[in-house]
Protein backbone atom coordinates (compact mmCIF):
# COMPACT_ATOMS: atom_id res chain seq x y z
CA MET A 1 177.72 10.23 107.00
CA LYS A 2 174.26 11.10 105.73
CA LYS A 3 174.32 13.71 102.95
CA LEU A 4 173.37 17.10 104.30
CA GLU A 5 170.60 19.06 102.63
CA GLU A 6 169.29 22.59 102.99
CA ALA A 7 165.88 22.77 104.64
CA PRO A 8 163.05 24.67 102.88
CA LEU A 9 162.83 28.40 103.58
CA GLY A 10 160.71 29.49 106.53
CA TYR A 11 157.74 31.80 105.92
CA TRP A 12 159.75 34.73 107.35
CA GLU A 13 162.53 34.00 104.82
CA GLU A 14 160.32 33.69 101.76
CA LYS A 15 158.57 36.97 102.51
CA SER A 16 159.23 40.02 104.69
CA TYR A 17 157.21 40.00 107.91
CA MET A 18 156.85 43.13 110.04
CA MET A 19 154.70 43.53 113.15
CA VAL A 20 153.54 47.09 113.85
CA ILE A 21 152.89 47.60 117.57
CA PRO A 22 150.34 50.32 118.47
CA ARG A 23 150.50 52.50 121.57
CA ASP A 24 146.80 51.86 122.18
CA GLN A 25 146.61 48.11 122.67
CA ASP A 26 142.81 48.24 122.58
CA CYS A 27 142.49 49.91 119.17
CA ASP A 28 140.94 48.31 116.07
CA LEU A 29 144.02 47.74 113.90
CA LEU A 30 142.04 46.84 110.78
CA LYS A 31 139.67 49.81 110.86
CA ASN A 32 140.23 52.24 107.96
CA SER A 33 143.39 50.38 106.88
CA ILE A 34 142.52 50.46 103.15
CA GLU A 35 141.46 54.12 103.34
CA ASN A 36 144.69 54.98 105.16
CA VAL A 37 146.79 53.38 102.45
CA ASN A 38 144.80 55.10 99.70
CA SER A 39 145.37 58.43 101.45
CA ILE A 40 149.11 58.19 100.62
CA SER A 41 149.52 60.02 97.32
CA GLU A 42 152.25 57.68 96.03
CA MET A 43 150.13 54.56 96.65
CA LYS A 44 146.99 53.22 94.99
CA VAL A 45 145.01 50.18 96.16
CA ILE A 46 144.11 48.33 92.97
CA GLU A 47 142.35 45.36 94.54
CA HIS A 48 141.63 43.99 98.00
CA HIS A 49 139.87 41.00 99.50
CA LEU A 50 139.50 39.07 102.75
CA ASN A 51 140.48 35.42 103.20
CA ALA A 52 137.64 34.56 105.55
CA VAL A 53 139.17 31.25 106.67
CA GLU A 54 142.57 32.69 107.66
CA GLN A 55 141.20 36.15 108.56
CA ILE A 56 143.90 37.77 106.44
CA PHE A 57 143.34 40.80 104.26
CA TYR A 58 145.15 41.03 100.95
CA MET A 59 145.80 44.13 98.87
CA THR A 60 147.37 44.76 95.49
CA ILE A 61 149.05 48.16 95.71
CA GLU A 62 150.63 50.22 92.98
CA TYR A 63 153.72 52.05 94.21
CA GLN A 64 156.27 53.82 92.04
CA LYS A 65 155.09 52.02 88.88
CA GLU A 66 155.27 48.56 90.50
CA GLU A 67 152.51 46.36 91.88
CA TYR A 68 152.98 44.72 95.28
CA GLU A 69 150.89 41.93 96.78
CA VAL A 70 150.55 42.67 100.50
CA GLY A 71 148.87 40.69 103.28
CA PHE A 72 148.00 41.95 106.75
CA TYR A 73 146.20 40.75 109.85
CA SER A 74 145.69 41.63 113.51
CA GLY A 75 147.22 39.21 115.98
CA GLY A 76 149.39 38.66 119.02
CA VAL A 77 152.98 39.76 119.54
CA SER A 78 155.74 39.08 122.05
CA VAL A 79 158.95 41.11 121.76
CA PRO A 80 162.02 39.13 122.95
CA ASP A 81 163.84 41.19 125.56
CA TYR A 82 167.26 40.52 123.99
CA TYR A 83 166.14 42.47 120.89
CA LEU A 84 166.36 45.55 123.10
CA ASN A 85 169.74 44.81 124.70
CA ASN A 86 172.15 47.72 124.13
CA ASN A 87 169.52 49.38 121.93
CA PHE A 88 169.90 53.07 122.75
CA LEU A 89 167.26 54.19 120.25
CA PHE A 90 164.46 53.48 122.73
CA THR A 91 163.58 55.22 125.96
CA GLU A 92 163.05 53.03 129.02
CA LYS A 93 159.31 53.65 128.79
CA GLU A 94 159.25 52.58 125.13
CA LYS A 95 161.17 49.41 126.01
CA ASN A 96 158.71 48.58 128.79
CA ASP A 97 155.74 49.30 126.51
CA LEU A 98 157.17 47.03 123.82
CA LEU A 99 157.87 44.20 126.24
CA SER A 100 154.34 44.39 127.67
CA ALA A 101 152.62 44.64 124.25
CA THR A 102 150.43 41.71 123.24
CA LYS A 103 148.84 43.00 120.03
CA ALA A 104 150.19 44.05 116.63
CA LEU A 105 149.31 44.45 112.98
CA THR A 106 151.40 42.05 110.89
CA ILE A 107 152.24 43.19 107.33
CA PHE A 108 153.87 40.68 104.99
CA MET A 109 154.97 40.85 101.36
CA GLU A 110 157.52 39.61 98.84
CA PHE A 111 160.43 41.93 98.17
CA HIS A 112 160.94 43.00 94.57
CA GLU A 113 164.29 43.33 92.81
CA ASP A 114 165.27 46.50 94.71
CA SER A 115 165.17 45.23 98.30
CA ARG A 116 165.75 48.66 99.86
CA LYS A 117 162.83 50.14 97.93
CA SER A 118 160.60 47.23 99.03
CA PHE A 119 161.77 47.66 102.64
CA GLN A 120 160.95 51.37 102.66
CA PHE A 121 157.57 50.68 101.03
CA GLN A 122 156.74 48.23 103.83
CA LEU A 123 157.68 50.87 106.41
CA LYS A 124 155.46 53.40 104.62
CA LEU A 125 152.59 50.92 104.91
CA ALA A 126 153.31 50.51 108.62
CA VAL A 127 153.11 54.27 109.20
CA ALA A 128 149.95 54.60 107.09
CA MET A 129 148.12 51.75 108.83
CA VAL A 130 149.28 52.39 112.41
CA PRO A 131 150.33 56.05 112.63
CA ASP A 132 150.39 55.99 116.45
CA MET A 133 152.85 53.15 117.02
CA ILE A 134 155.50 52.27 119.60
CA GLY A 135 157.67 50.59 117.01
CA VAL A 136 158.02 47.85 114.41
CA LEU A 137 159.20 44.31 115.09
CA ASP A 138 160.96 43.16 111.92
CA GLU A 139 160.37 39.44 112.30
CA SER A 140 162.39 38.51 109.21
CA ALA A 141 165.51 40.30 110.48
CA GLU A 142 164.84 39.69 114.19
CA LYS A 143 165.18 43.33 115.23
CA VAL A 144 163.02 46.19 116.50
CA PHE A 145 162.79 49.74 115.15
CA PRO A 146 161.45 52.69 117.19
CA ALA A 147 158.47 54.68 115.92
CA LYS A 148 160.48 57.84 115.30
CA TRP A 149 163.03 56.04 113.12
CA VAL A 150 160.29 54.22 111.19
CA THR A 151 158.45 57.49 110.50
CA MET A 152 161.59 59.39 109.48
CA THR A 153 162.72 56.58 107.18
CA ALA A 154 159.27 56.19 105.62
CA HIS A 155 159.08 59.91 104.85
CA SER A 156 162.67 60.29 103.65
CA LYS A 157 163.53 60.87 100.00
CA VAL A 158 166.58 58.67 100.56
CA LEU A 159 166.36 54.88 100.63
CA PRO A 160 167.40 53.12 103.87
CA SER A 161 170.91 51.76 104.32
CA PRO A 162 171.25 48.10 103.33
CA GLU A 163 172.49 47.38 106.88
CA LYS A 164 168.95 48.06 108.14
CA LEU A 165 167.64 45.09 106.15
CA PHE A 166 169.50 42.47 108.15
CA THR A 167 170.87 41.67 111.59
CA VAL A 168 174.12 39.99 112.61
CA GLN A 169 173.67 37.88 115.72
CA ALA A 170 176.34 36.26 117.87
CA VAL A 171 175.99 32.98 119.73
CA THR A 172 178.60 32.39 122.43
CA ASP A 173 179.52 29.58 124.80
CA LYS A 174 181.28 29.41 128.15
CA LYS A 175 184.69 29.01 126.45
CA ASN A 176 184.36 32.36 124.59
CA ASN A 177 183.70 30.76 121.21
CA VAL A 178 181.46 32.80 118.91
CA TRP A 179 179.23 31.88 115.96
CA LEU A 180 178.08 34.85 113.86
CA HIS A 181 175.10 34.64 111.53
CA THR A 182 172.67 36.96 109.75
CA HIS A 183 168.89 37.21 109.59
CA GLY A 184 166.97 39.09 106.89
CA LEU A 185 168.95 38.40 103.72
CA CYS A 186 166.83 35.50 102.44
CA ARG A 187 163.80 37.78 101.94
CA CYS A 188 166.07 39.85 99.66
CA GLY A 189 166.68 36.84 97.41
CA LEU A 190 170.13 36.23 98.92
CA THR A 191 171.65 33.63 101.18
CA GLU A 192 172.10 34.27 104.88
CA LEU A 193 175.77 34.50 105.91
CA GLU A 194 177.78 32.94 108.76
CA ILE A 195 181.24 32.93 110.29
CA LEU A 196 182.27 29.85 112.26
CA GLY A 197 185.26 29.57 114.56
CA SER A 198 185.18 33.14 115.86
CA ASN A 199 185.96 34.12 119.44
CA VAL A 200 185.54 36.96 121.89
CA SER A 201 188.91 38.47 120.93
CA ASN A 202 188.14 38.70 117.20
CA TYR A 203 184.38 38.74 116.77
CA GLN A 204 184.18 42.53 116.29
CA ASN A 205 186.42 42.39 113.21
CA HIS A 206 184.48 39.36 112.00
CA TYR A 207 181.25 41.27 112.61
CA HIS A 208 182.48 44.10 110.34
CA LEU A 209 183.52 41.54 107.74
CA ILE A 210 180.16 39.77 107.61
CA SER A 211 178.27 43.11 107.63
CA THR A 212 180.43 44.53 104.83
CA TYR A 213 179.94 41.39 102.74
CA ALA A 214 176.17 41.45 103.28
CA MET A 215 176.00 45.13 102.29
CA TYR A 216 178.16 44.39 99.24
CA LEU A 217 175.71 41.71 98.08
CA LEU A 218 172.68 43.94 98.69
CA ASP A 219 174.29 46.86 96.84
CA LYS A 220 175.36 44.65 93.97
CA ASN A 221 171.72 43.67 93.47
CA GLU A 222 172.55 40.93 90.97
CA THR A 223 171.33 37.39 90.50
CA GLU A 224 174.87 35.91 90.46
CA ASP A 225 175.22 33.26 93.16
CA PRO A 226 177.78 34.51 95.74
CA ARG A 227 178.68 30.87 96.35
CA GLN A 228 180.20 30.85 92.87
CA SER A 229 181.98 34.21 93.04
CA SER A 230 184.26 36.28 95.26
CA ALA A 231 184.32 39.82 96.64
CA TYR A 232 187.23 42.13 97.52
CA ILE A 233 185.83 43.90 100.59
CA GLY A 234 188.77 45.25 102.60
CA CYS A 235 192.43 45.38 103.55
CA LEU A 236 194.45 44.14 106.50
CA VAL A 237 196.85 46.46 108.33
CA ASN A 238 199.68 45.32 106.04
CA GLY A 239 197.63 46.23 102.97
CA TYR A 240 196.89 42.59 102.16
CA PRO A 241 193.50 42.25 100.41
CA VAL A 242 190.52 40.61 102.09
CA VAL A 243 188.83 38.51 99.40
CA VAL A 244 185.81 36.50 100.53
CA THR A 245 183.50 33.89 99.13
CA CYS A 246 180.89 31.60 100.71
CA ARG A 247 179.60 28.05 100.53
CA SER A 248 176.28 26.51 101.52
CA TRP A 249 176.40 25.40 105.15
CA THR A 250 175.96 21.81 103.94
CA GLU A 251 179.25 22.08 102.05
CA GLY A 252 181.13 24.63 104.15
CA ILE A 253 180.64 22.79 107.44
CA LEU A 254 182.74 19.92 106.05
CA GLU A 255 185.78 22.25 106.18
CA TYR A 256 185.50 22.09 109.99
CA LYS A 257 186.31 18.84 111.77
CA LYS A 258 184.39 19.63 114.94
CA PRO A 259 183.00 23.19 114.98
CA LYS A 260 182.55 24.33 118.57
CA LEU A 261 179.41 26.27 117.59
CA GLY A 262 177.30 26.07 114.44
CA GLY A 263 177.71 22.34 114.00
CA ILE A 264 175.02 19.97 112.78
CA ASN A 265 173.50 19.60 116.26
CA ASP A 266 173.06 23.38 116.47
CA ARG A 267 171.02 23.36 113.24
CA LYS A 268 168.24 20.94 114.11
CA ASN A 269 165.69 23.71 114.69
CA GLY A 270 167.07 26.52 112.54
CA HIS A 271 169.99 27.96 110.56
CA ASN A 272 169.58 25.01 108.22
CA SER A 273 167.93 26.52 105.14
CA LYS A 274 169.57 28.95 102.69
CA THR A 275 172.57 30.01 104.74
CA SER A 276 176.25 30.08 103.77
CA ILE A 277 179.57 30.02 105.62
CA ILE A 278 182.09 32.70 104.66
CA PHE A 279 185.64 31.76 103.63
CA LEU A 280 188.73 33.57 102.36
CA TYR A 281 190.83 33.27 99.21
CA GLN A 282 194.42 34.03 100.20
CA SER A 283 195.69 34.34 96.61
CA GLU A 284 194.60 34.35 92.99
CA GLU A 285 195.92 30.82 92.75
CA ASP A 286 193.69 29.75 95.65
CA GLU A 287 190.69 31.33 93.97
CA LYS A 288 191.51 29.66 90.66
CA ASN A 289 191.76 26.26 92.35
CA GLY A 290 188.91 26.76 94.82
CA VAL A 291 191.18 26.53 97.89
CA LEU A 292 189.22 27.87 100.84
CA SER A 293 190.69 29.34 104.03
CA LYS A 294 188.90 29.95 107.30
CA ILE A 295 188.37 33.54 108.46
CA SER A 296 190.43 32.85 111.58
CA ILE A 297 193.62 32.61 109.54
CA TYR A 298 193.78 36.45 109.54
CA ASP A 299 193.13 36.86 113.26
CA THR A 300 196.61 38.24 114.02
CA LEU A 301 196.52 40.65 111.07
CA TRP A 302 193.43 42.78 111.66
CA GLY A 303 195.17 45.39 113.81
CA GLU A 304 193.20 48.09 115.61
CA ASN A 305 191.69 49.65 112.50
CA PRO A 306 191.24 47.27 109.55
CA LEU A 307 189.84 48.85 106.40
CA PHE A 308 186.50 47.61 105.07
CA PHE A 309 185.18 49.13 101.87
CA VAL A 310 181.91 51.00 101.41
CA SER A 311 180.52 51.08 97.87
CA GLU A 312 180.18 54.37 95.98
CA LYS A 313 176.45 53.69 95.87
CA GLU A 314 176.25 53.45 99.67
CA THR A 315 178.57 56.44 100.15
CA SER A 316 176.29 58.57 97.95
CA ARG A 317 173.23 57.38 99.85
CA MET A 318 174.85 58.16 103.20
CA LYS A 319 175.80 61.63 102.02
CA GLU A 320 172.28 62.41 100.79
CA LEU A 321 170.77 61.27 104.09
CA ALA A 322 173.37 63.10 106.20
CA MET A 323 172.65 66.34 104.35
CA GLU A 324 168.88 65.81 104.52
CA ARG A 325 169.04 65.51 108.33
CA PHE A 326 171.96 67.84 109.11
CA SER A 327 169.64 70.24 110.96
CA TYR A 328 169.65 67.68 113.82
CA VAL A 329 173.41 68.13 114.17
CA LYS A 330 173.05 71.91 114.50
CA GLU A 331 170.23 71.50 116.99
CA GLN A 332 172.00 68.92 119.16
CA SER A 333 175.33 70.79 119.09
CA LYS A 334 173.75 73.33 121.45
CA ASN A 335 173.77 70.67 124.16
CA LYS A 336 177.42 70.60 125.24
CA GLU A 337 176.95 67.18 126.87
CA ASN A 338 176.58 65.65 123.39
CA THR A 339 179.54 64.23 121.52
CA ILE A 340 178.95 64.56 117.78
CA LEU A 341 181.05 62.69 115.23
CA ILE A 342 180.94 63.72 111.57
CA LYS A 343 182.36 61.66 108.72
CA ILE A 344 184.06 63.90 106.15
CA GLY A 345 185.06 63.01 102.59
CA LEU A 346 188.69 64.14 102.24
CA PRO A 347 189.87 64.45 98.61
CA LEU A 348 192.66 62.15 97.47
CA LYS A 349 195.28 62.80 94.80
CA GLU A 350 193.24 60.86 92.26
CA ILE A 351 190.54 63.23 91.02
CA GLY A 352 187.05 62.26 92.16
CA LYS A 353 188.27 59.90 94.90
CA PHE A 354 187.82 60.54 98.63
CA GLU A 355 188.81 59.00 101.95
CA HIS A 356 185.84 59.13 104.31
CA ILE A 357 187.00 59.56 107.90
CA TRP A 358 185.57 60.56 111.28
CA PHE A 359 185.99 63.97 112.92
CA GLU A 360 184.66 65.25 116.25
CA LEU A 361 182.54 68.40 115.98
CA LEU A 362 183.99 71.35 117.90
CA GLU A 363 181.89 74.39 116.96
CA PHE A 364 179.63 76.05 114.38
CA GLU A 365 180.22 79.46 112.84
CA GLY A 366 177.38 80.35 110.50
CA GLU A 367 177.21 77.67 107.82
CA LYS A 368 180.72 76.41 108.62
CA PHE A 369 181.83 74.07 111.39
CA LYS A 370 185.18 73.18 112.93
CA ALA A 371 186.04 69.55 113.63
CA LYS A 372 188.98 67.50 114.94
CA LEU A 373 190.29 64.39 113.19
CA THR A 374 189.79 61.33 115.42
CA GLN A 375 192.04 58.81 113.63
CA GLU A 376 195.06 58.60 111.38
CA PRO A 377 194.15 58.66 107.65
CA TYR A 378 195.25 55.85 105.33
CA ASP A 379 196.10 57.78 102.17
CA ILE A 380 196.38 61.46 103.17
CA ASP A 381 199.86 62.64 104.12
CA ASN A 382 199.17 66.21 105.18
CA MET A 383 196.54 65.47 107.87
CA HIS A 384 196.96 63.55 111.11
CA GLU A 385 194.94 62.49 114.13
CA GLY A 386 194.11 65.54 116.26
CA ASP A 387 194.30 68.04 113.39
CA GLU A 388 191.48 70.60 113.21
CA ALA A 389 189.86 72.09 110.11
CA TRP A 390 186.75 73.93 108.89
CA PHE A 391 184.09 72.28 106.73
CA THR A 392 180.57 72.79 105.35
CA VAL A 393 177.62 70.43 105.01
CA ASN A 394 178.75 69.64 101.46
CA ASP A 395 181.79 67.85 102.91
CA VAL A 396 179.68 65.61 105.16
CA THR A 397 179.25 61.88 104.41
CA SER A 398 177.62 60.79 107.66
CA TRP A 399 177.22 61.75 111.32
CA THR A 400 176.32 60.32 114.68
CA ILE A 401 175.35 61.89 118.00
């Protein structure tokens, strides 16, 4: 068998590419772009020039004591309709406008060490250059963001969640086999991640596993190769630890005799560069000896509510953002057709430790609100599913409407 090799990175993997789609498809996207960027107090255009051959503008921009090299150009766009499947952030009109759009401003740049800071900076550029947009097509992550979310995130004092920097996609076949893989991690200096051998019955748990692992690597923000290390990212229903590692697809694929999806034939035109297959270590001895196990070996042990960990860094970020935007909860609670879930940090016996768990909002009374616990806690004995209690915004970790 011919030795497998990783293909070179694609342009969308080496750098972050975003396409900003304007409402007015006849507007001049390059007009006043430099002035618009300079108008943002936290940005300063140090140098700019035009590559006349490629018709690409380049700018060197100082932002929060770092210099970014940014390129941008006006060109065509075509939004794949499956990007909008089950995407409830868009109105039907916005979806139709996106699907009919043919013109966009593409902004591309290399991410610096802090990928989330770079990501937010790119969104800030999008808002500055095309303030009246329909949305942003994140080509590197193969996803679309609505204008309102882009604007709110660009203006927020809180960095975006690491989960916004990547997408987990699922490829299925007629026999209910599933192949999960990410897009967007390579631009962050990481490897893309995959799970082979999944199926319709288990892909949701596998989705949470691959997402948690990706967020772990983004939060860790270190140069250590994940292919040479492991991560403890969750627990099964019996309390057994979920310890993951990954191997380059060229090595990991050899652990599968005949993968139903994600095999060599499926990688002729993509998913063949810096991407890695996730495996498990079932014991310390396995880790010591490099004995890999497939994810499917735990398929009967996930239960209905497996526990995946969220880092303290991400928990703090979520809390800051939830508090920053909590006025939306108060506003939307007036509409009784809305169901509002609020994640509360419940204190554990160990001082400074919390279990973050979902409650359903029932009512507001001044600055307090009453909520009902929607699930059974893991480590709290005196509260159970269905219990009601009063809280304040200081108890909130996250929320969804």
